[in-house]
């Protein structure tokens, strides 16, 4: 979302040349995030099936989100900053 807001659509909301640029930046983001973390899917990263309410509650009880997700959010911020500065 940040990449799209920073480099995205024209004022009237119609696709323009900048869309190609945005897609390129997003692809770079995904490549770098996967290089660092082996995936972009939450399930692959933290092993929690969000469609399973009991698994979600158990992950929350164990503190998985605060322990594990913080690194992924930090990585995402670093990558975005490096791409759109």
N, C-alpha and C. Protein backbone atom coordinates (compact mmCIF):
# COMPACT_ATOMS: atom_id res chain seq x y z
N UNK A 1 0.82 -1.19 0.00
CA UNK A 1 0.00 0.00 0.00
C UNK A 1 0.86 1.25 0.00
N UNK A 2 1.91 1.23 0.79
CA UNK A 2 2.79 2.40 0.86
C UNK A 2 3.42 2.67 -0.50
N UNK A 3 3.87 1.63 -1.16
CA UNK A 3 4.49 1.79 -2.48
C UNK A 3 3.49 2.40 -3.46
N UNK A 4 2.27 1.89 -3.45
CA UNK A 4 1.23 2.42 -4.34
C UNK A 4 0.90 3.87 -4.05
N UNK A 5 0.82 4.21 -2.77
CA UNK A 5 0.53 5.59 -2.40
C UNK A 5 1.64 6.54 -2.82
N UNK A 6 2.86 6.08 -2.66
CA UNK A 6 4.02 6.94 -2.97
C UNK A 6 4.26 7.06 -4.48
N UNK A 7 4.07 5.97 -5.22
CA UNK A 7 4.45 5.96 -6.64
C UNK A 7 3.31 5.58 -7.59
N UNK A 8 2.07 5.52 -7.09
CA UNK A 8 0.97 4.90 -7.82
C UNK A 8 0.20 5.72 -8.81
N UNK A 9 -1.10 5.49 -8.82
CA UNK A 9 -2.04 5.99 -9.81
C UNK A 9 -1.99 7.51 -9.97
N UNK A 10 -2.51 7.93 -11.09
CA UNK A 10 -2.64 9.36 -11.35
C UNK A 10 -3.72 9.94 -10.44
N UNK A 11 -3.85 11.23 -10.44
CA UNK A 11 -4.81 11.91 -9.58
C UNK A 11 -6.24 11.46 -9.87
N UNK A 12 -6.56 11.20 -11.13
CA UNK A 12 -7.92 10.79 -11.48
C UNK A 12 -8.16 9.29 -11.25
N UNK A 13 -7.16 8.56 -10.76
CA UNK A 13 -7.32 7.15 -10.43
C UNK A 13 -7.23 6.21 -11.61
N UNK A 14 -6.90 6.72 -12.77
CA UNK A 14 -6.78 5.88 -13.96
C UNK A 14 -5.35 5.36 -14.09
N UNK A 15 -5.22 4.13 -14.60
CA UNK A 15 -3.86 3.59 -14.79
C UNK A 15 -3.03 4.50 -15.69
N UNK A 16 -1.76 4.58 -15.40
CA UNK A 16 -0.85 5.35 -16.23
C UNK A 16 0.52 4.69 -16.20
N UNK A 17 1.50 5.33 -16.75
CA UNK A 17 2.86 4.78 -16.84
C UNK A 17 3.41 4.43 -15.46
N UNK A 18 2.98 5.15 -14.43
CA UNK A 18 3.52 4.90 -13.10
C UNK A 18 3.14 3.51 -12.59
N UNK A 19 2.06 2.91 -13.10
CA UNK A 19 1.69 1.56 -12.66
C UNK A 19 2.81 0.56 -12.95
N UNK A 20 3.42 0.68 -14.09
CA UNK A 20 4.53 -0.21 -14.44
C UNK A 20 5.67 -0.05 -13.42
N UNK A 21 5.92 1.17 -13.04
CA UNK A 21 6.97 1.45 -12.05
C UNK A 21 6.60 0.82 -10.71
N UNK A 22 5.34 1.00 -10.30
CA UNK A 22 4.87 0.45 -9.03
C UNK A 22 5.00 -1.07 -9.03
N UNK A 23 4.56 -1.71 -10.11
CA UNK A 23 4.65 -3.17 -10.17
C UNK A 23 6.10 -3.63 -10.09
N UNK A 24 6.99 -2.91 -10.72
CA UNK A 24 8.42 -3.24 -10.64
C UNK A 24 8.95 -3.12 -9.22
N UNK A 25 8.56 -2.04 -8.53
CA UNK A 25 9.01 -1.85 -7.14
C UNK A 25 8.43 -2.94 -6.25
N UNK A 26 7.15 -3.28 -6.46
CA UNK A 26 6.53 -4.35 -5.66
C UNK A 26 7.25 -5.66 -5.90
N UNK A 27 7.58 -5.96 -7.13
CA UNK A 27 8.33 -7.19 -7.42
C UNK A 27 9.68 -7.20 -6.72
N UNK A 28 10.36 -6.06 -6.71
CA UNK A 28 11.64 -5.97 -5.98
C UNK A 28 11.42 -6.19 -4.49
N UNK A 29 10.35 -5.61 -3.94
CA UNK A 29 10.03 -5.79 -2.52
C UNK A 29 9.84 -7.28 -2.22
N UNK A 30 9.02 -7.94 -3.03
CA UNK A 30 8.74 -9.36 -2.80
C UNK A 30 10.02 -10.18 -2.89
N UNK A 31 10.83 -9.94 -3.89
CA UNK A 31 12.09 -10.69 -4.04
C UNK A 31 12.98 -10.53 -2.80
N UNK A 32 13.12 -9.30 -2.33
CA UNK A 32 13.98 -9.06 -1.17
C UNK A 32 13.38 -9.66 0.10
N UNK A 33 12.08 -9.53 0.28
CA UNK A 33 11.45 -10.10 1.48
C UNK A 33 11.60 -11.62 1.48
N UNK A 34 11.39 -12.24 0.34
CA UNK A 34 11.56 -13.70 0.23
C UNK A 34 13.02 -14.09 0.44
N UNK A 35 13.95 -13.30 -0.08
CA UNK A 35 15.36 -13.59 0.14
C UNK A 35 15.68 -13.62 1.63
N UNK A 36 15.13 -12.68 2.35
CA UNK A 36 15.40 -12.60 3.79
C UNK A 36 14.63 -13.65 4.60
N UNK A 37 13.42 -13.97 4.17
CA UNK A 37 12.51 -14.75 5.03
C UNK A 37 11.95 -16.02 4.40
N UNK A 38 12.32 -16.32 3.17
CA UNK A 38 11.92 -17.52 2.45
C UNK A 38 10.46 -17.56 2.00
N UNK A 39 9.65 -16.58 2.34
CA UNK A 39 8.25 -16.56 1.93
C UNK A 39 7.66 -15.19 2.20
N UNK A 40 6.47 -14.94 1.59
CA UNK A 40 5.71 -13.75 1.94
C UNK A 40 4.37 -14.15 2.58
N UNK A 41 4.09 -15.43 2.65
CA UNK A 41 2.83 -15.92 3.22
C UNK A 41 2.94 -16.07 4.73
N UNK A 42 1.96 -15.49 5.44
CA UNK A 42 1.97 -15.56 6.91
C UNK A 42 2.05 -16.99 7.40
N UNK A 43 1.30 -17.88 6.80
CA UNK A 43 1.32 -19.27 7.26
C UNK A 43 2.72 -19.86 7.18
N UNK A 44 3.39 -19.60 6.07
CA UNK A 44 4.76 -20.11 5.91
C UNK A 44 5.72 -19.47 6.92
N UNK A 45 5.50 -18.21 7.23
CA UNK A 45 6.40 -17.48 8.11
C UNK A 45 6.21 -17.85 9.58
N UNK A 46 4.96 -17.95 10.02
CA UNK A 46 4.72 -18.18 11.45
C UNK A 46 4.02 -19.48 11.76
N UNK A 47 3.55 -20.16 10.72
CA UNK A 47 2.94 -21.48 10.93
C UNK A 47 1.59 -21.47 11.61
N UNK A 48 0.84 -20.37 11.46
CA UNK A 48 -0.48 -20.29 12.07
C UNK A 48 -1.52 -20.18 10.97
N UNK A 49 -2.52 -21.06 11.05
CA UNK A 49 -3.63 -21.03 10.10
C UNK A 49 -4.68 -20.06 10.64
N UNK A 50 -4.76 -18.87 10.05
CA UNK A 50 -5.67 -17.83 10.54
C UNK A 50 -7.13 -18.20 10.36
N UNK A 51 -7.44 -19.18 9.52
CA UNK A 51 -8.83 -19.60 9.37
C UNK A 51 -9.26 -20.53 10.51
N UNK A 52 -8.31 -20.98 11.32
CA UNK A 52 -8.60 -21.84 12.46
C UNK A 52 -8.57 -20.98 13.73
N UNK A 53 -9.76 -20.71 14.24
CA UNK A 53 -9.86 -19.79 15.38
C UNK A 53 -9.08 -20.29 16.60
N UNK A 54 -9.10 -21.58 16.84
CA UNK A 54 -8.38 -22.14 17.99
C UNK A 54 -6.87 -21.97 17.81
N UNK A 55 -6.36 -22.22 16.61
CA UNK A 55 -4.93 -22.05 16.33
C UNK A 55 -4.53 -20.58 16.50
N UNK A 56 -5.40 -19.70 16.06
CA UNK A 56 -5.13 -18.26 16.21
C UNK A 56 -5.05 -17.88 17.68
N UNK A 57 -6.01 -18.33 18.47
CA UNK A 57 -6.00 -18.03 19.92
C UNK A 57 -4.76 -18.60 20.59
N UNK A 58 -4.38 -19.81 20.22
CA UNK A 58 -3.19 -20.45 20.80
C UNK A 58 -1.93 -19.67 20.45
N UNK A 59 -1.83 -19.22 19.21
CA UNK A 59 -0.67 -18.42 18.80
C UNK A 59 -0.62 -17.11 19.58
N UNK A 60 -1.76 -16.50 19.76
CA UNK A 60 -1.82 -15.25 20.53
C UNK A 60 -1.41 -15.51 21.98
N UNK A 61 -1.90 -16.60 22.56
CA UNK A 61 -1.57 -16.94 23.95
C UNK A 61 -0.07 -17.17 24.12
N UNK A 62 0.55 -17.79 23.12
CA UNK A 62 1.99 -18.08 23.17
C UNK A 62 2.85 -16.85 22.84
N UNK A 63 2.23 -15.78 22.40
CA UNK A 63 2.97 -14.57 22.07
C UNK A 63 3.70 -14.63 20.73
N UNK A 64 3.26 -15.52 19.87
CA UNK A 64 3.93 -15.70 18.58
C UNK A 64 3.92 -14.40 17.77
N UNK A 65 2.82 -13.70 17.77
CA UNK A 65 2.72 -12.49 16.95
C UNK A 65 3.70 -11.42 17.41
N UNK A 66 3.77 -11.19 18.69
CA UNK A 66 4.68 -10.15 19.18
C UNK A 66 6.13 -10.58 19.09
N UNK A 67 6.41 -11.86 19.18
CA UNK A 67 7.79 -12.33 19.11
C UNK A 67 8.30 -12.46 17.68
N UNK A 68 7.47 -13.02 16.82
CA UNK A 68 7.91 -13.37 15.47
C UNK A 68 7.59 -12.29 14.44
N UNK A 69 6.39 -11.76 14.50
CA UNK A 69 5.95 -10.82 13.46
C UNK A 69 6.73 -9.51 13.47
N UNK A 70 7.23 -9.12 14.60
CA UNK A 70 7.98 -7.88 14.70
C UNK A 70 9.15 -7.85 13.73
N UNK A 71 9.85 -8.96 13.60
CA UNK A 71 10.99 -9.05 12.67
C UNK A 71 10.51 -8.87 11.22
N UNK A 72 9.38 -9.49 10.88
CA UNK A 72 8.89 -9.39 9.51
C UNK A 72 8.42 -7.97 9.18
N UNK A 73 7.76 -7.33 10.12
CA UNK A 73 7.33 -5.95 9.92
C UNK A 73 8.56 -5.05 9.77
N UNK A 74 9.55 -5.26 10.60
CA UNK A 74 10.79 -4.48 10.52
C UNK A 74 11.47 -4.68 9.17
N UNK A 75 11.55 -5.93 8.71
CA UNK A 75 12.12 -6.20 7.40
C UNK A 75 11.34 -5.47 6.30
N UNK A 76 10.02 -5.52 6.37
CA UNK A 76 9.19 -4.88 5.36
C UNK A 76 9.44 -3.38 5.32
N UNK A 77 9.52 -2.76 6.49
CA UNK A 77 9.79 -1.31 6.55
C UNK A 77 11.15 -0.99 5.96
N UNK A 78 12.18 -1.75 6.34
CA UNK A 78 13.52 -1.52 5.80
C UNK A 78 13.54 -1.63 4.28
N UNK A 79 12.87 -2.64 3.77
CA UNK A 79 12.87 -2.86 2.31
C UNK A 79 12.15 -1.72 1.61
N UNK A 80 10.97 -1.34 2.09
CA UNK A 80 10.22 -0.25 1.48
C UNK A 80 11.03 1.04 1.52
N UNK A 81 11.64 1.33 2.66
CA UNK A 81 12.44 2.55 2.76
C UNK A 81 13.58 2.53 1.75
N UNK A 82 14.20 1.38 1.55
CA UNK A 82 15.31 1.31 0.60
C UNK A 82 14.82 1.47 -0.85
N UNK A 83 13.59 1.09 -1.12
CA UNK A 83 13.07 1.15 -2.49
C UNK A 83 12.46 2.49 -2.85
N UNK A 84 11.84 3.16 -1.89
CA UNK A 84 11.17 4.41 -2.23
C UNK A 84 11.71 5.60 -1.46
N UNK A 85 12.59 5.31 -0.48
CA UNK A 85 13.26 6.33 0.30
C UNK A 85 12.49 7.55 0.51
